[in-house]
Amino acid sequence: MPHFDDFYAAKLRGSLGVTDAESVLDLRGANRVTAEASLREMIERSRFAKGKTVAVRLDPPPEGGGETLFQPAGRLLLDAKRRGLVERLHTLPAQDGLGFYVALSGRTERPAP
């Protein structure tokens, strides 16, 4: 029987969600400016700490349709992934609602001079 890394074993069991994350950033009810500031602060702080996983929760679309924070939050997190600050980025499973599962890279070790 092959031995799987915890991440891949979880993927085989289903999407990683709120219960799998080490912490939750609940942005339900937040406006766009506040939500973006909270995400930026989370990403910036992660640069100085060890990596961790965070479930970012967002409001569902309002009745009859309308704008959500999903796209602006997703763009911000995707940009952080491109810069190497986020290791993994997935949407939350349907049962957890709208949001993202984020694995922050954490502090990078600098080589000794």
N, C-alpha and C. Protein backbone atom coordinates (compact mmCIF):
# COMPACT_ATOMS: atom_id res chain seq x y z
N MET A 1 0.86 -1.18 0.00
CA MET A 1 0.00 0.00 0.00
C MET A 1 0.90 1.24 0.00
N PRO A 2 0.71 2.14 -0.94
CA PRO A 2 1.55 3.35 -0.97
C PRO A 2 1.28 4.25 0.22
N HIS A 3 2.29 5.00 0.58
CA HIS A 3 2.18 5.94 1.70
C HIS A 3 1.98 7.34 1.12
N PHE A 4 0.89 8.02 1.50
CA PHE A 4 0.56 9.33 0.96
C PHE A 4 0.91 10.45 1.93
N ASP A 5 1.35 11.56 1.38
CA ASP A 5 1.50 12.78 2.15
C ASP A 5 0.10 13.17 2.65
N ASP A 6 0.01 13.79 3.83
CA ASP A 6 -1.30 14.16 4.40
C ASP A 6 -2.13 14.98 3.44
N PHE A 7 -1.51 15.91 2.72
CA PHE A 7 -2.23 16.76 1.78
C PHE A 7 -2.91 15.92 0.70
N TYR A 8 -2.18 14.97 0.11
CA TYR A 8 -2.73 14.17 -0.97
C TYR A 8 -3.76 13.17 -0.46
N ALA A 9 -3.56 12.67 0.74
CA ALA A 9 -4.55 11.78 1.34
C ALA A 9 -5.85 12.53 1.56
N ALA A 10 -5.77 13.79 2.01
CA ALA A 10 -6.97 14.60 2.21
C ALA A 10 -7.66 14.87 0.88
N LYS A 11 -6.88 15.10 -0.17
CA LYS A 11 -7.47 15.32 -1.50
C LYS A 11 -8.23 14.09 -1.98
N LEU A 12 -7.71 12.89 -1.67
CA LEU A 12 -8.41 11.67 -2.05
C LEU A 12 -9.73 11.53 -1.30
N ARG A 13 -9.75 12.00 -0.04
CA ARG A 13 -10.97 11.93 0.77
C ARG A 13 -11.97 13.00 0.37
N GLY A 14 -11.52 14.05 -0.29
CA GLY A 14 -12.40 15.15 -0.68
C GLY A 14 -11.69 16.47 -0.48
N SER A 15 -12.35 17.55 -0.85
CA SER A 15 -11.74 18.87 -0.76
C SER A 15 -11.43 19.25 0.68
N LEU A 16 -10.34 20.00 0.83
CA LEU A 16 -9.97 20.51 2.15
C LEU A 16 -10.89 21.67 2.50
N GLY A 17 -11.37 21.70 3.73
CA GLY A 17 -12.33 22.72 4.11
C GLY A 17 -12.03 23.37 5.44
N VAL A 18 -13.05 23.97 6.02
CA VAL A 18 -12.93 24.73 7.26
C VAL A 18 -12.38 23.87 8.39
N THR A 19 -12.84 22.64 8.50
CA THR A 19 -12.38 21.79 9.61
C THR A 19 -10.93 21.34 9.45
N ASP A 20 -10.39 21.42 8.23
CA ASP A 20 -9.00 21.02 7.98
C ASP A 20 -8.01 22.15 8.23
N ALA A 21 -8.50 23.38 8.22
CA ALA A 21 -7.62 24.55 8.36
C ALA A 21 -7.21 24.77 9.81
N GLU A 22 -6.01 25.33 9.98
CA GLU A 22 -5.52 25.64 11.32
C GLU A 22 -6.23 26.85 11.91
N SER A 23 -6.68 27.78 11.05
CA SER A 23 -7.42 28.94 11.52
C SER A 23 -8.42 29.36 10.45
N VAL A 24 -9.36 30.23 10.86
CA VAL A 24 -10.41 30.70 9.96
C VAL A 24 -10.41 32.22 9.96
N LEU A 25 -10.43 32.79 8.78
CA LEU A 25 -10.59 34.23 8.62
C LEU A 25 -12.00 34.43 8.08
N ASP A 26 -12.90 34.87 8.94
CA ASP A 26 -14.31 35.00 8.58
C ASP A 26 -14.58 36.42 8.09
N LEU A 27 -14.76 36.56 6.79
CA LEU A 27 -15.01 37.87 6.19
C LEU A 27 -16.48 38.04 5.82
N ARG A 28 -17.34 37.18 6.34
CA ARG A 28 -18.77 37.33 6.07
C ARG A 28 -19.25 38.61 6.75
N GLY A 29 -19.93 39.42 5.99
CA GLY A 29 -20.43 40.69 6.50
C GLY A 29 -19.47 41.85 6.33
N ALA A 30 -18.25 41.58 5.90
CA ALA A 30 -17.26 42.65 5.71
C ALA A 30 -17.45 43.30 4.34
N ASN A 31 -17.13 44.59 4.26
CA ASN A 31 -17.17 45.25 2.95
C ASN A 31 -15.87 44.95 2.21
N ARG A 32 -15.81 45.35 0.95
CA ARG A 32 -14.66 45.01 0.11
C ARG A 32 -13.34 45.59 0.66
N VAL A 33 -13.36 46.84 1.08
CA VAL A 33 -12.14 47.49 1.58
C VAL A 33 -11.61 46.77 2.82
N THR A 34 -12.48 46.46 3.74
CA THR A 34 -12.10 45.77 4.97
C THR A 34 -11.59 44.36 4.66
N ALA A 35 -12.29 43.66 3.77
CA ALA A 35 -11.89 42.29 3.42
C ALA A 35 -10.52 42.27 2.76
N GLU A 36 -10.28 43.18 1.82
CA GLU A 36 -8.98 43.22 1.16
C GLU A 36 -7.86 43.58 2.13
N ALA A 37 -8.14 44.51 3.04
CA ALA A 37 -7.15 44.89 4.05
C ALA A 37 -6.84 43.70 4.97
N SER A 38 -7.85 42.95 5.36
CA SER A 38 -7.65 41.78 6.22
C SER A 38 -6.82 40.71 5.52
N LEU A 39 -7.10 40.47 4.24
CA LEU A 39 -6.33 39.48 3.48
C LEU A 39 -4.88 39.92 3.31
N ARG A 40 -4.68 41.20 2.99
CA ARG A 40 -3.31 41.70 2.84
C ARG A 40 -2.53 41.57 4.16
N GLU A 41 -3.19 41.90 5.26
CA GLU A 41 -2.53 41.79 6.57
C GLU A 41 -2.19 40.33 6.89
N MET A 42 -3.11 39.41 6.59
CA MET A 42 -2.85 37.99 6.83
C MET A 42 -1.64 37.53 6.02
N ILE A 43 -1.58 37.93 4.75
CA ILE A 43 -0.47 37.54 3.88
C ILE A 43 0.84 38.17 4.36
N GLU A 44 0.79 39.45 4.71
CA GLU A 44 2.00 40.15 5.17
C GLU A 44 2.53 39.53 6.46
N ARG A 45 1.65 39.26 7.42
CA ARG A 45 2.08 38.68 8.69
C ARG A 45 2.65 37.28 8.51
N SER A 46 2.13 36.56 7.51
CA SER A 46 2.61 35.19 7.29
C SER A 46 4.07 35.16 6.85
N ARG A 47 4.58 36.25 6.33
CA ARG A 47 5.97 36.31 5.88
C ARG A 47 6.94 36.19 7.05
N PHE A 48 6.47 36.46 8.27
CA PHE A 48 7.34 36.47 9.45
C PHE A 48 7.06 35.33 10.42
N ALA A 49 6.19 34.42 10.03
CA ALA A 49 5.83 33.29 10.89
C ALA A 49 5.95 31.99 10.09
N LYS A 50 5.78 30.88 10.78
CA LYS A 50 5.82 29.61 10.05
C LYS A 50 4.53 29.47 9.24
N GLY A 51 4.59 28.69 8.18
CA GLY A 51 3.43 28.50 7.32
C GLY A 51 2.27 27.87 8.06
N LYS A 52 1.06 28.21 7.64
CA LYS A 52 -0.14 27.62 8.24
C LYS A 52 -1.25 27.62 7.21
N THR A 53 -2.32 26.92 7.53
CA THR A 53 -3.48 26.87 6.64
C THR A 53 -4.61 27.71 7.21
N VAL A 54 -5.31 28.39 6.33
CA VAL A 54 -6.40 29.28 6.73
C VAL A 54 -7.59 29.05 5.82
N ALA A 55 -8.76 28.95 6.41
CA ALA A 55 -10.00 28.93 5.65
C ALA A 55 -10.54 30.36 5.64
N VAL A 56 -10.71 30.92 4.47
CA VAL A 56 -11.24 32.28 4.32
C VAL A 56 -12.71 32.14 3.93
N ARG A 57 -13.60 32.61 4.79
CA ARG A 57 -15.04 32.49 4.54
C ARG A 57 -15.60 33.80 4.03
N LEU A 58 -16.45 33.70 3.01
CA LEU A 58 -17.06 34.87 2.37
C LEU A 58 -18.57 34.74 2.35
N ASP A 59 -19.26 35.87 2.20
CA ASP A 59 -20.72 35.86 2.08
C ASP A 59 -21.14 35.22 0.77
N PRO A 60 -22.25 34.47 0.79
CA PRO A 60 -22.80 33.96 -0.48
C PRO A 60 -23.43 35.11 -1.26
N PRO A 61 -23.70 34.91 -2.54
CA PRO A 61 -24.36 35.97 -3.31
C PRO A 61 -25.72 36.32 -2.71
N PRO A 62 -26.11 37.59 -2.76
CA PRO A 62 -27.43 37.97 -2.23
C PRO A 62 -28.56 37.41 -3.09
N GLU A 63 -29.74 37.32 -2.51
CA GLU A 63 -30.92 36.85 -3.25
C GLU A 63 -31.10 37.67 -4.52
N GLY A 64 -31.34 37.01 -5.63
CA GLY A 64 -31.54 37.72 -6.88
C GLY A 64 -30.24 38.06 -7.58
N GLY A 65 -29.12 37.63 -7.02
CA GLY A 65 -27.81 37.89 -7.64
C GLY A 65 -27.18 39.15 -7.11
N GLY A 66 -25.97 39.35 -7.47
CA GLY A 66 -25.24 40.53 -7.03
C GLY A 66 -23.78 40.22 -6.84
N GLU A 67 -23.04 41.24 -6.45
CA GLU A 67 -21.60 41.13 -6.31
C GLU A 67 -21.22 40.48 -4.99
N THR A 68 -20.17 39.67 -5.03
CA THR A 68 -19.61 39.07 -3.82
C THR A 68 -18.13 39.45 -3.75
N LEU A 69 -17.49 39.05 -2.67
CA LEU A 69 -16.06 39.30 -2.51
C LEU A 69 -15.21 38.19 -3.11
N PHE A 70 -15.85 37.19 -3.71
CA PHE A 70 -15.13 36.02 -4.21
C PHE A 70 -14.07 36.41 -5.25
N GLN A 71 -14.46 37.20 -6.24
CA GLN A 71 -13.50 37.56 -7.29
C GLN A 71 -12.37 38.46 -6.79
N PRO A 72 -12.67 39.56 -6.09
CA PRO A 72 -11.54 40.38 -5.61
C PRO A 72 -10.64 39.64 -4.62
N ALA A 73 -11.22 38.84 -3.75
CA ALA A 73 -10.41 38.08 -2.78
C ALA A 73 -9.57 37.04 -3.52
N GLY A 74 -10.18 36.38 -4.49
CA GLY A 74 -9.46 35.38 -5.27
C GLY A 74 -8.29 35.97 -6.03
N ARG A 75 -8.49 37.14 -6.61
CA ARG A 75 -7.40 37.80 -7.34
C ARG A 75 -6.24 38.15 -6.40
N LEU A 76 -6.57 38.66 -5.23
CA LEU A 76 -5.53 39.02 -4.26
C LEU A 76 -4.75 37.79 -3.82
N LEU A 77 -5.46 36.69 -3.54
CA LEU A 77 -4.80 35.46 -3.11
C LEU A 77 -3.99 34.82 -4.24
N LEU A 78 -4.51 34.90 -5.46
CA LEU A 78 -3.79 34.36 -6.61
C LEU A 78 -2.49 35.14 -6.86
N ASP A 79 -2.55 36.45 -6.69
CA ASP A 79 -1.34 37.27 -6.82
C ASP A 79 -0.31 36.87 -5.77
N ALA A 80 -0.77 36.62 -4.54
CA ALA A 80 0.14 36.19 -3.46
C ALA A 80 0.73 34.82 -3.79
N LYS A 81 -0.04 33.96 -4.43
CA LYS A 81 0.47 32.64 -4.85
C LYS A 81 1.56 32.81 -5.90
N ARG A 82 1.34 33.71 -6.84
CA ARG A 82 2.35 33.97 -7.87
C ARG A 82 3.65 34.51 -7.28
N ARG A 83 3.54 35.27 -6.19
CA ARG A 83 4.73 35.83 -5.53
C ARG A 83 5.37 34.85 -4.55
N GLY A 84 4.80 33.65 -4.42
CA GLY A 84 5.37 32.63 -3.55
C GLY A 84 4.97 32.72 -2.10
N LEU A 85 3.99 33.57 -1.78
CA LEU A 85 3.56 33.73 -0.38
C LEU A 85 2.47 32.74 0.00
N VAL A 86 1.83 32.13 -1.00
CA VAL A 86 0.80 31.13 -0.79
C VAL A 86 1.23 29.86 -1.51
N GLU A 87 1.26 28.74 -0.77
CA GLU A 87 1.65 27.46 -1.37
C GLU A 87 0.51 26.82 -2.14
N ARG A 88 -0.66 26.78 -1.51
CA ARG A 88 -1.84 26.14 -2.13
C ARG A 88 -3.04 27.05 -1.96
N LEU A 89 -3.90 27.02 -2.96
CA LEU A 89 -5.11 27.84 -2.94
C LEU A 89 -6.23 27.05 -3.61
N HIS A 90 -7.29 26.77 -2.85
CA HIS A 90 -8.43 26.01 -3.35
C HIS A 90 -9.71 26.68 -2.88
N THR A 91 -10.78 26.46 -3.61
CA THR A 91 -12.08 26.91 -3.11
C THR A 91 -12.52 25.95 -2.01
N LEU A 92 -13.34 26.45 -1.10
CA LEU A 92 -13.89 25.60 -0.05
C LEU A 92 -14.92 24.65 -0.66
N PRO A 93 -15.11 23.47 -0.07
CA PRO A 93 -16.16 22.58 -0.56
C PRO A 93 -17.53 23.21 -0.33
N ALA A 94 -18.51 22.80 -1.11
CA ALA A 94 -19.85 23.40 -1.08
C ALA A 94 -20.46 23.42 0.32
N GLN A 95 -20.26 22.37 1.11
CA GLN A 95 -20.87 22.32 2.44
C GLN A 95 -20.32 23.37 3.39
N ASP A 96 -19.12 23.93 3.08
CA ASP A 96 -18.52 24.96 3.93
C ASP A 96 -18.90 26.37 3.49
N GLY A 97 -19.60 26.50 2.38
CA GLY A 97 -19.99 27.82 1.90
C GLY A 97 -18.94 28.41 0.98
N LEU A 98 -19.11 29.68 0.68
CA LEU A 98 -18.22 30.36 -0.26
C LEU A 98 -16.93 30.76 0.43
N GLY A 99 -15.81 30.53 -0.22
CA GLY A 99 -14.53 30.93 0.35
C GLY A 99 -13.37 30.14 -0.22
N PHE A 100 -12.23 30.25 0.44
CA PHE A 100 -10.99 29.64 -0.02
C PHE A 100 -10.29 28.90 1.11
N TYR A 101 -9.56 27.86 0.73
CA TYR A 101 -8.65 27.17 1.63
C TYR A 101 -7.26 27.60 1.19
N VAL A 102 -6.51 28.24 2.07
CA VAL A 102 -5.22 28.84 1.74
C VAL A 102 -4.13 28.23 2.61
N ALA A 103 -3.05 27.78 1.96
CA ALA A 103 -1.87 27.32 2.70
C ALA A 103 -0.80 28.38 2.51
N LEU A 104 -0.53 29.12 3.58
CA LEU A 104 0.46 30.19 3.53
C LEU A 104 1.87 29.61 3.61
N SER A 105 2.77 30.16 2.83
CA SER A 105 4.15 29.64 2.76
C SER A 105 4.91 29.89 4.06
N GLY A 106 4.68 31.02 4.67
CA GLY A 106 5.41 31.33 5.90
C GLY A 106 6.77 31.91 5.62
N ARG A 107 7.54 32.05 6.68
CA ARG A 107 8.87 32.66 6.60
C ARG A 107 9.80 31.77 5.78
N THR A 108 10.51 32.39 4.90
CA THR A 108 11.52 31.65 4.13
C THR A 108 12.84 31.75 4.87
N GLU A 109 13.51 30.64 4.97
CA GLU A 109 14.80 30.60 5.66
C GLU A 109 15.85 31.26 4.78
N ARG A 110 16.60 32.16 5.36
CA ARG A 110 17.68 32.83 4.63
C ARG A 110 18.98 32.05 4.85
N PRO A 111 19.76 31.93 3.79
CA PRO A 111 21.04 31.23 3.97
C PRO A 111 21.97 32.02 4.88
N ALA A 112 22.79 31.32 5.63
CA ALA A 112 23.75 31.98 6.52
C ALA A 112 24.78 32.74 5.69
N PRO A 113 25.17 33.93 6.16
CA PRO A 113 26.15 34.73 5.38
C PRO A 113 27.52 34.12 5.34
